[in-house]
């Protein structure tokens, strides 16, 4: 990121260093969540138990980053009395790290759901759900690029990508919810309905991140 310019004022220079550290921590948190998302995908579609188990330790690190970043943003906003542009940046950070943290929570949930699905046969909808997951992952990766580069145009394009995920959700929901002549227990159908809902929400949060980046850059919502 390149959010602030250097200044000969020592106090300003110290503030800029704190902002730079915050930016690095936000991106490190984002990288952890990106890895969690990848592992949840592997757990669901490759039936990889080790991948599912690897998510929980990452989630603890993600939560630590979230609490730390939020706390540092509050301190900088209340004690440093930052200029309007810096306040906008810090406020956006506080919002977008919440979006990142929520995506991490959903990834953890998907890993747990994957384990519950292991005993059941692979549902015919799984290839379509896998494509939906790939789209949502690509959106989150795009949102992190937008954040790293402070690229408002990428942030705006995410809204168009979100439509693809929303359409996939609607189609899959109709298939799962109105499936007839279900043999055996309905738990796998309920679990898959949760999976597509989680993926749809993850894409929404990725879109939010992109919109917050656009706000940081332009000052317009």
C-alpha atoms as a PDB file:
ATOM      1  CA  UNK A   1       0.000   0.000   0.000  1.00  0.00           C
ATOM      2  CA  UNK A   2       1.002   3.591  -0.445  1.00  0.00           C
ATOM      3  CA  UNK A   3      -1.493   5.500   1.639  1.00  0.00           C
ATOM      4  CA  UNK A   4       0.556   8.327   3.150  1.00  0.00           C
ATOM      5  CA  UNK A   5       3.488  10.440   2.050  1.00  0.00           C
ATOM      6  CA  UNK A   6       6.613  11.086   4.075  1.00  0.00           C
ATOM      7  CA  UNK A   7       6.987  14.334   6.006  1.00  0.00           C
ATOM      8  CA  UNK A   8       9.887  16.002   7.783  1.00  0.00           C
ATOM      9  CA  UNK A   9       7.776  16.455  10.930  1.00  0.00           C
ATOM     10  CA  UNK A  10       9.041  13.788  13.398  1.00  0.00           C
ATOM     11  CA  UNK A  11       5.599  13.246  14.922  1.00  0.00           C
ATOM     12  CA  UNK A  12       4.069  12.882  11.470  1.00  0.00           C
ATOM     13  CA  UNK A  13       6.826  10.483  10.429  1.00  0.00           C
ATOM     14  CA  UNK A  14       6.143   8.325  13.488  1.00  0.00           C
ATOM     15  CA  UNK A  15       2.430   8.303  12.676  1.00  0.00           C
ATOM     16  CA  UNK A  16       3.175   7.247   9.099  1.00  0.00           C
ATOM     17  CA  UNK A  17       5.312   4.370  10.367  1.00  0.00           C
ATOM     18  CA  UNK A  18       2.448   3.199  12.563  1.00  0.00           C
ATOM     19  CA  UNK A  19       0.103   3.328   9.577  1.00  0.00           C
ATOM     20  CA  UNK A  20       2.578   1.339   7.465  1.00  0.00           C
ATOM     21  CA  UNK A  21       2.799  -1.312  10.190  1.00  0.00           C
ATOM     22  CA  UNK A  22      -0.982  -1.494  10.302  1.00  0.00           C
ATOM     23  CA  UNK A  23      -1.114  -1.925   6.526  1.00  0.00           C
ATOM     24  CA  UNK A  24       1.378  -4.780   6.668  1.00  0.00           C
ATOM     25  CA  UNK A  25      -0.565  -6.483   9.450  1.00  0.00           C
ATOM     26  CA  UNK A  26      -3.839  -6.182   7.529  1.00  0.00           C
ATOM     27  CA  UNK A  27      -2.241  -7.848   4.504  1.00  0.00           C
ATOM     28  CA  UNK A  28      -0.662 -10.554   6.671  1.00  0.00           C
ATOM     29  CA  UNK A  29      -4.073 -11.228   8.179  1.00  0.00           C
ATOM     30  CA  UNK A  30      -5.517 -11.365   4.676  1.00  0.00           C
ATOM     31  CA  UNK A  31      -2.905 -13.902   3.600  1.00  0.00           C
ATOM     32  CA  UNK A  32      -3.825 -16.150   6.538  1.00  0.00           C
ATOM     33  CA  UNK A  33      -7.504 -15.977   5.609  1.00  0.00           C
ATOM     34  CA  UNK A  34      -6.678 -16.689   1.965  1.00  0.00           C
ATOM     35  CA  UNK A  35      -4.875 -19.830   3.113  1.00  0.00           C
ATOM     36  CA  UNK A  36      -7.814 -20.827   5.330  1.00  0.00           C
ATOM     37  CA  UNK A  37     -10.175 -20.414   2.382  1.00  0.00           C
ATOM     38  CA  UNK A  38      -7.911 -22.604   0.237  1.00  0.00           C
ATOM     39  CA  UNK A  39      -7.789 -25.284   2.938  1.00  0.00           C
ATOM     40  CA  UNK A  40     -11.575 -25.264   3.339  1.00  0.00           C
ATOM     41  CA  UNK A  41     -11.904 -25.793  -0.413  1.00  0.00           C
ATOM     42  CA  UNK A  42      -9.464 -28.697  -0.251  1.00  0.00           C
ATOM     43  CA  UNK A  43     -11.303 -30.215   2.694  1.00  0.00           C
ATOM     44  CA  UNK A  44     -14.674 -29.987   0.957  1.00  0.00           C
ATOM     45  CA  UNK A  45     -13.809 -31.105  -2.542  1.00  0.00           C
ATOM     46  CA  UNK A  46     -10.791 -33.371  -2.006  1.00  0.00           C
ATOM     47  CA  UNK A  47     -12.152 -34.764   1.270  1.00  0.00           C
ATOM     48  CA  UNK A  48      -8.869 -33.842   2.901  1.00  0.00           C
ATOM     49  CA  UNK A  49      -9.068 -34.318   6.673  1.00  0.00           C
ATOM     50  CA  UNK A  50      -5.630 -32.812   7.322  1.00  0.00           C
ATOM     51  CA  UNK A  51      -6.624 -29.658   5.449  1.00  0.00           C
ATOM     52  CA  UNK A  52      -9.768 -29.372   7.571  1.00  0.00           C
ATOM     53  CA  UNK A  53      -7.768 -29.768  10.780  1.00  0.00           C
ATOM     54  CA  UNK A  54      -5.218 -27.151   9.690  1.00  0.00           C
ATOM     55  CA  UNK A  55      -7.800 -24.350   9.627  1.00  0.00           C
ATOM     56  CA  UNK A  56      -8.401 -23.963  13.381  1.00  0.00           C
ATOM     57  CA  UNK A  57      -4.800 -22.925  14.270  1.00  0.00           C
ATOM     58  CA  UNK A  58      -4.879 -20.378  11.452  1.00  0.00           C
ATOM     59  CA  UNK A  59      -8.177 -19.028  12.740  1.00  0.00           C
ATOM     60  CA  UNK A  60      -6.613 -18.298  16.121  1.00  0.00           C
ATOM     61  CA  UNK A  61      -3.882 -16.254  14.442  1.00  0.00           C
ATOM     62  CA  UNK A  62      -6.482 -14.431  12.358  1.00  0.00           C
ATOM     63  CA  UNK A  63      -8.482 -13.524  15.463  1.00  0.00           C
ATOM     64  CA  UNK A  64      -5.320 -12.232  17.162  1.00  0.00           C
ATOM     65  CA  UNK A  65      -4.548 -10.008  14.185  1.00  0.00           C
ATOM     66  CA  UNK A  66      -8.133  -8.758  14.150  1.00  0.00           C
ATOM     67  CA  UNK A  67      -8.099  -7.728  17.813  1.00  0.00           C
ATOM     68  CA  UNK A  68      -4.659  -6.149  17.498  1.00  0.00           C
ATOM     69  CA  UNK A  69      -5.460  -4.148  14.355  1.00  0.00           C
ATOM     70  CA  UNK A  70      -8.794  -2.945  15.683  1.00  0.00           C
ATOM     71  CA  UNK A  71      -7.186  -1.857  18.958  1.00  0.00           C
ATOM     72  CA  UNK A  72      -4.356  -0.007  17.199  1.00  0.00           C
ATOM     73  CA  UNK A  73      -6.797   1.787  14.908  1.00  0.00           C
ATOM     74  CA  UNK A  74      -8.806   2.983  17.898  1.00  0.00           C
ATOM     75  CA  UNK A  75      -5.663   4.187  19.670  1.00  0.00           C
ATOM     76  CA  UNK A  76      -4.427   6.099  16.618  1.00  0.00           C
ATOM     77  CA  UNK A  77      -7.823   7.696  16.042  1.00  0.00           C
ATOM     78  CA  UNK A  78      -8.320   8.772  19.657  1.00  0.00           C
ATOM     79  CA  UNK A  79      -4.801   9.755  20.707  1.00  0.00           C
ATOM     80  CA  UNK A  80      -3.264  11.113  17.508  1.00  0.00           C
ATOM     81  CA  UNK A  81      -6.178  13.243  16.250  1.00  0.00           C
ATOM     82  CA  UNK A  82      -5.336  12.314  12.649  1.00  0.00           C
ATOM     83  CA  UNK A  83      -6.155  14.447   9.620  1.00  0.00           C
ATOM     84  CA  UNK A  84      -9.363  13.744   7.698  1.00  0.00           C
ATOM     85  CA  UNK A  85      -7.682  11.527   5.080  1.00  0.00           C
ATOM     86  CA  UNK A  86      -5.935   9.469   7.751  1.00  0.00           C
ATOM     87  CA  UNK A  87      -9.158   9.141   9.758  1.00  0.00           C
ATOM     88  CA  UNK A  88     -10.873   7.841   6.626  1.00  0.00           C
ATOM     89  CA  UNK A  89      -8.091   5.306   6.157  1.00  0.00           C
ATOM     90  CA  UNK A  90      -8.216   4.107   9.774  1.00  0.00           C
ATOM     91  CA  UNK A  91     -12.003   3.892   9.759  1.00  0.00           C
ATOM     92  CA  UNK A  92     -11.913   1.849   6.566  1.00  0.00           C
ATOM     93  CA  UNK A  93      -9.265  -0.443   8.062  1.00  0.00           C
ATOM     94  CA  UNK A  94     -11.490  -1.141  11.049  1.00  0.00           C
ATOM     95  CA  UNK A  95     -14.346  -2.075   8.750  1.00  0.00           C
ATOM     96  CA  UNK A  96     -12.440  -4.142   6.228  1.00  0.00           C
ATOM     97  CA  UNK A  97     -10.532  -6.207   8.814  1.00  0.00           C
ATOM     98  CA  UNK A  98     -13.949  -7.188  10.120  1.00  0.00           C
ATOM     99  CA  UNK A  99     -14.835  -8.393   6.630  1.00  0.00           C
ATOM    100  CA  UNK A 100     -11.563 -10.320   6.425  1.00  0.00           C
ATOM    101  CA  UNK A 101     -12.150 -11.864   9.849  1.00  0.00           C
ATOM    102  CA  UNK A 102     -15.656 -12.963   8.873  1.00  0.00           C
ATOM    103  CA  UNK A 103     -14.342 -14.704   5.770  1.00  0.00           C
ATOM    104  CA  UNK A 104     -11.919 -16.544   8.043  1.00  0.00           C
ATOM    105  CA  UNK A 105     -14.799 -17.583  10.303  1.00  0.00           C
ATOM    106  CA  UNK A 106     -16.730 -18.936   7.346  1.00  0.00           C
ATOM    107  CA  UNK A 107     -13.652 -20.856   6.157  1.00  0.00           C
ATOM    108  CA  UNK A 108     -13.396 -22.467   9.589  1.00  0.00           C
ATOM    109  CA  UNK A 109     -17.096 -23.394   9.456  1.00  0.00           C
ATOM    110  CA  UNK A 110     -16.643 -24.892   5.983  1.00  0.00           C
ATOM    111  CA  UNK A 111     -13.820 -27.077   7.281  1.00  0.00           C
ATOM    112  CA  UNK A 112     -16.074 -28.373  10.049  1.00  0.00           C
ATOM    113  CA  UNK A 113     -18.896 -28.996   7.582  1.00  0.00           C
ATOM    114  CA  UNK A 114     -16.505 -30.891   5.309  1.00  0.00           C
ATOM    115  CA  UNK A 115     -15.727 -33.347   8.098  1.00  0.00           C
ATOM    116  CA  UNK A 116     -19.444 -33.946   8.657  1.00  0.00           C
ATOM    117  CA  UNK A 117     -19.872 -34.642   4.935  1.00  0.00           C
ATOM    118  CA  UNK A 118     -17.074 -37.219   4.754  1.00  0.00           C
ATOM    119  CA  UNK A 119     -19.289 -40.258   5.592  1.00  0.00           C
ATOM    120  CA  UNK A 120     -21.794 -39.446   2.839  1.00  0.00           C
ATOM    121  CA  UNK A 121     -21.585 -40.137  -0.911  1.00  0.00           C
ATOM    122  CA  UNK A 122     -20.540 -37.194  -3.077  1.00  0.00           C
ATOM    123  CA  UNK A 123     -23.626 -35.188  -4.003  1.00  0.00           C
ATOM    124  CA  UNK A 124     -24.231 -34.531  -7.737  1.00  0.00           C
ATOM    125  CA  UNK A 125     -24.154 -30.776  -7.057  1.00  0.00           C
ATOM    126  CA  UNK A 126     -20.573 -30.816  -5.754  1.00  0.00           C
ATOM    127  CA  UNK A 127     -18.940 -29.867  -9.101  1.00  0.00           C
ATOM    128  CA  UNK A 128     -21.152 -26.780  -9.313  1.00  0.00           C
ATOM    129  CA  UNK A 129     -20.450 -25.897  -5.677  1.00  0.00           C
ATOM    130  CA  UNK A 130     -16.736 -26.293  -6.346  1.00  0.00           C
ATOM    131  CA  UNK A 131     -16.933 -23.759  -9.180  1.00  0.00           C
ATOM    132  CA  UNK A 132     -18.822 -21.402  -6.864  1.00  0.00           C
ATOM    133  CA  UNK A 133     -16.075 -21.782  -4.265  1.00  0.00           C
ATOM    134  CA  UNK A 134     -13.403 -21.055  -6.882  1.00  0.00           C
ATOM    135  CA  UNK A 135     -15.211 -17.860  -7.896  1.00  0.00           C
ATOM    136  CA  UNK A 136     -15.505 -16.730  -4.268  1.00  0.00           C
ATOM    137  CA  UNK A 137     -11.816 -17.452  -3.655  1.00  0.00           C
ATOM    138  CA  UNK A 138     -10.841 -15.493  -6.763  1.00  0.00           C
ATOM    139  CA  UNK A 139     -12.919 -12.570  -5.514  1.00  0.00           C
ATOM    140  CA  UNK A 140     -11.175 -12.573  -2.149  1.00  0.00           C
ATOM    141  CA  UNK A 141      -7.769 -12.696  -3.852  1.00  0.00           C
ATOM    142  CA  UNK A 142      -8.834  -9.736  -6.018  1.00  0.00           C
ATOM    143  CA  UNK A 143      -9.907  -7.816  -2.921  1.00  0.00           C
ATOM    144  CA  UNK A 144      -6.470  -8.325  -1.354  1.00  0.00           C
ATOM    145  CA  UNK A 145      -4.768  -7.104  -4.532  1.00  0.00           C
ATOM    146  CA  UNK A 146      -7.028  -4.048  -4.493  1.00  0.00           C
ATOM    147  CA  UNK A 147      -6.058  -3.477  -0.864  1.00  0.00           C
ATOM    148  CA  UNK A 148      -2.324  -3.974  -1.408  1.00  0.00           C
ATOM    149  CA  UNK A 149      -2.262  -1.635  -4.433  1.00  0.00           C
ATOM    150  CA  UNK A 150      -5.025   0.701  -3.244  1.00  0.00           C
ATOM    151  CA  UNK A 151      -6.664   0.074  -6.614  1.00  0.00           C
ATOM    152  CA  UNK A 152     -10.180   1.482  -6.639  1.00  0.00           C
ATOM    153  CA  UNK A 153     -10.920   0.060 -10.095  1.00  0.00           C
ATOM    154  CA  UNK A 154     -10.384  -3.530  -8.909  1.00  0.00           C
ATOM    155  CA  UNK A 155     -12.597  -2.794  -5.949  1.00  0.00           C
ATOM    156  CA  UNK A 156     -15.400  -1.646  -8.232  1.00  0.00           C
ATOM    157  CA  UNK A 157     -15.043  -4.687 -10.534  1.00  0.00           C
ATOM    158  CA  UNK A 158     -15.666  -7.010  -7.617  1.00  0.00           C
ATOM    159  CA  UNK A 159     -19.313  -5.974  -7.616  1.00  0.00           C
ATOM    160  CA  UNK A 160     -19.729  -7.496 -11.075  1.00  0.00           C
ATOM    161  CA  UNK A 161     -17.986 -10.693  -9.961  1.00  0.00           C
ATOM    162  CA  UNK A 162     -20.359 -10.946  -7.018  1.00  0.00           C
ATOM    163  CA  UNK A 163     -23.289 -11.354  -9.389  1.00  0.00           C
ATOM    164  CA  UNK A 164     -21.791 -14.630 -10.652  1.00  0.00           C
ATOM    165  CA  UNK A 165     -21.652 -16.029  -7.127  1.00  0.00           C
ATOM    166  CA  UNK A 166     -25.157 -14.791  -6.322  1.00  0.00           C
ATOM    167  CA  UNK A 167     -26.527 -16.492  -9.442  1.00  0.00           C
ATOM    168  CA  UNK A 168     -24.762 -19.732  -8.517  1.00  0.00           C
ATOM    169  CA  UNK A 169     -26.244 -19.557  -5.032  1.00  0.00           C
ATOM    170  CA  UNK A 170     -29.788 -19.089  -6.335  1.00  0.00           C
ATOM    171  CA  UNK A 171     -29.455 -21.950  -8.805  1.00  0.00           C
ATOM    172  CA  UNK A 172     -27.929 -24.355  -6.300  1.00  0.00           C
ATOM    173  CA  UNK A 173     -30.390 -23.420  -3.588  1.00  0.00           C
ATOM    174  CA  UNK A 174     -33.296 -24.216  -5.885  1.00  0.00           C
ATOM    175  CA  UNK A 175     -31.743 -27.593  -6.706  1.00  0.00           C
ATOM    176  CA  UNK A 176     -31.008 -28.528  -3.090  1.00  0.00           C
ATOM    177  CA  UNK A 177     -34.107 -27.139  -1.411  1.00  0.00           C
ATOM    178  CA  UNK A 178     -36.564 -28.669  -3.840  1.00  0.00           C
ATOM    179  CA  UNK A 179     -34.865 -32.018  -4.335  1.00  0.00           C
ATOM    180  CA  UNK A 180     -37.436 -34.820  -4.327  1.00  0.00           C
ATOM    181  CA  UNK A 181     -37.355 -38.505  -3.486  1.00  0.00           C
ATOM    182  CA  UNK A 182     -34.406 -38.096  -1.138  1.00  0.00           C
ATOM    183  CA  UNK A 183     -33.213 -41.473   0.056  1.00  0.00           C
ATOM    184  CA  UNK A 184     -31.840 -41.747   3.566  1.00  0.00           C
ATOM    185  CA  UNK A 185     -31.044 -38.835   5.884  1.00  0.00           C
ATOM    186  CA  UNK A 186     -31.267 -35.252   4.711  1.00  0.00           C
ATOM    187  CA  UNK A 187     -28.241 -34.038   6.696  1.00  0.00           C
ATOM    188  CA  UNK A 188     -25.933 -33.791   3.650  1.00  0.00           C
ATOM    189  CA  UNK A 189     -28.461 -31.619   1.834  1.00  0.00           C
ATOM    190  CA  UNK A 190     -28.769 -29.326   4.842  1.00  0.00           C
ATOM    191  CA  UNK A 191     -24.988 -29.137   5.124  1.00  0.00           C
ATOM    192  CA  UNK A 192     -24.565 -28.315   1.448  1.00  0.00           C
ATOM    193  CA  UNK A 193     -27.188 -25.588   1.770  1.00  0.00           C
ATOM    194  CA  UNK A 194     -25.031 -24.117   4.534  1.00  0.00           C
ATOM    195  CA  UNK A 195     -21.940 -24.436   2.326  1.00  0.00           C
ATOM    196  CA  UNK A 196     -23.422 -22.401  -0.516  1.00  0.00           C
ATOM    197  CA  UNK A 197     -24.756 -19.803   1.918  1.00  0.00           C
ATOM    198  CA  UNK A 198     -21.312 -19.430   3.482  1.00  0.00           C
ATOM    199  CA  UNK A 199     -19.690 -19.087   0.058  1.00  0.00           C
ATOM    200  CA  UNK A 200     -22.230 -16.445  -0.942  1.00  0.00           C
ATOM    201  CA  UNK A 201     -21.507 -14.467   2.226  1.00  0.00           C
ATOM    202  CA  UNK A 202     -17.743 -14.795   1.731  1.00  0.00           C
ATOM    203  CA  UNK A 203     -18.127 -13.273  -1.722  1.00  0.00           C
ATOM    204  CA  UNK A 204     -20.221 -10.458  -0.213  1.00  0.00           C
ATOM    205  CA  UNK A 205     -17.472  -9.677   2.295  1.00  0.00           C
ATOM    206  CA  UNK A 206     -14.860  -9.693  -0.486  1.00  0.00           C
ATOM    207  CA  UNK A 207     -17.040  -7.191  -2.346  1.00  0.00           C
ATOM    208  CA  UNK A 208     -17.230  -5.060   0.809  1.00  0.00           C
ATOM    209  CA  UNK A 209     -13.429  -5.020   1.028  1.00  0.00           C
ATOM    210  CA  UNK A 210     -13.218  -3.782  -2.550  1.00  0.00           C
ATOM    211  CA  UNK A 211     -15.759  -1.044  -1.872  1.00  0.00           C
ATOM    212  CA  UNK A 212     -13.884   0.050   1.234  1.00  0.00           C
ATOM    213  CA  UNK A 213     -10.667   0.261  -0.785  1.00  0.00           C
ATOM    214  CA  UNK A 214     -12.474   2.465  -3.312  1.00  0.00           C
ATOM    215  CA  UNK A 215     -13.600   4.660  -0.411  1.00  0.00           C
ATOM    216  CA  UNK A 216     -10.031   4.947   0.915  1.00  0.00           C
ATOM    217  CA  UNK A 217      -8.822   6.077  -2.507  1.00  0.00           C
ATOM    218  CA  UNK A 218     -11.684   8.312  -3.630  1.00  0.00           C
ATOM    219  CA  UNK A 219     -13.405   9.387  -0.419  1.00  0.00           C
ATOM    220  CA  UNK A 220     -16.737   8.404  -1.939  1.00  0.00           C
ATOM    221  CA  UNK A 221     -18.919   5.499  -0.911  1.00  0.00           C
END
